[in-house]
Amino acid sequence: MSPAQYAALHATASGYVTVESLGSEEWASARHDQISMATVWFLEFRGWVLREARRPVPGSQSVRRLCKVRK
């Protein structure tokens, strides 16, 4: 596991990672930092995190999802 993947997994476990999508574009963030979508996809592929729907942000057209560590 790379340092970036470890940091993203730690941020996810702390509840700080969100993934937003608008059309076919997706981007992830952890509080004020950007996370590579490749890192999120890697963690999902390994089965270490999953996405959970979250209420839309008022006035936003994007779909927001919260990443959670799988138990």
Protein backbone atom coordinates (compact mmCIF):
# COMPACT_ATOMS: atom_id res chain seq x y z
CA MET A 1 0.00 0.00 0.00
CA SER A 2 1.39 3.38 -0.97
CA PRO A 3 1.54 6.32 1.45
CA ALA A 4 -1.25 8.06 -0.52
CA GLN A 5 -3.47 4.98 -0.29
CA TYR A 6 -2.80 4.65 3.43
CA ALA A 7 -3.59 8.34 3.99
CA ALA A 8 -6.84 8.01 2.01
CA LEU A 9 -7.85 4.89 3.94
CA HIS A 10 -7.12 6.65 7.24
CA ALA A 11 -9.13 9.71 6.15
CA THR A 12 -12.00 7.43 5.10
CA ALA A 13 -11.97 5.67 8.46
CA SER A 14 -12.10 9.08 10.12
CA GLY A 15 -15.17 9.99 8.04
CA TYR A 16 -13.52 12.75 6.05
CA VAL A 17 -13.67 11.46 2.46
CA THR A 18 -16.38 12.44 0.00
CA VAL A 19 -16.70 11.62 -3.68
CA GLU A 20 -18.74 13.91 -5.90
CA SER A 21 -19.85 13.35 -9.45
CA LEU A 22 -21.32 15.55 -12.12
CA GLY A 23 -22.18 13.71 -15.29
CA SER A 24 -19.29 11.35 -15.99
CA GLU A 25 -16.75 13.31 -13.92
CA GLU A 26 -15.85 12.27 -10.38
CA TRP A 27 -13.56 13.83 -7.81
CA ALA A 28 -12.72 12.98 -4.23
CA SER A 29 -11.68 15.11 -1.29
CA ALA A 30 -10.80 14.73 2.35
CA ARG A 31 -11.72 17.90 4.17
CA HIS A 32 -9.60 20.46 2.33
CA ASP A 33 -7.33 18.06 0.40
CA GLN A 34 -7.90 16.43 -2.97
CA ILE A 35 -7.56 12.66 -3.29
CA SER A 36 -6.86 10.92 -6.57
CA MET A 37 -9.84 8.99 -7.91
CA ALA A 38 -7.35 6.23 -8.81
CA THR A 39 -6.65 5.91 -5.08
CA VAL A 40 -10.38 5.69 -4.28
CA TRP A 41 -10.90 3.11 -7.02
CA PHE A 42 -7.97 1.05 -5.71
CA LEU A 43 -9.43 1.02 -2.19
CA GLU A 44 -12.86 0.08 -3.59
CA PHE A 45 -11.35 -2.67 -5.78
CA ARG A 46 -9.66 -4.18 -2.72
CA GLY A 47 -12.99 -4.08 -0.90
CA TRP A 48 -11.61 -1.82 1.81
CA VAL A 49 -14.04 1.05 1.27
CA LEU A 50 -17.50 1.47 -0.19
CA ARG A 51 -19.60 4.41 -1.23
CA GLU A 52 -22.81 5.33 0.50
CA ALA A 53 -25.37 7.82 -0.84
CA ARG A 54 -25.62 11.11 0.94
CA ARG A 55 -28.18 13.88 0.70
CA PRO A 56 -27.52 16.29 -2.16
CA VAL A 57 -26.01 19.64 -1.31
CA PRO A 58 -28.65 22.37 -1.74
CA GLY A 59 -28.08 24.29 -4.97
CA SER A 60 -25.58 21.75 -6.29
CA GLN A 61 -26.13 19.58 -9.34
CA SER A 62 -23.48 17.10 -8.26
CA VAL A 63 -24.15 13.83 -6.50
CA ARG A 64 -22.27 13.49 -3.25
CA ARG A 65 -21.24 10.17 -1.78
CA LEU A 66 -19.46 9.36 1.42
CA CYS A 67 -16.78 6.70 1.44
CA LYS A 68 -16.81 4.35 4.41
CA VAL A 69 -14.44 1.63 5.50
CA ARG A 70 -15.99 -1.81 5.04
CA LYS A 71 -16.44 -3.84 8.20
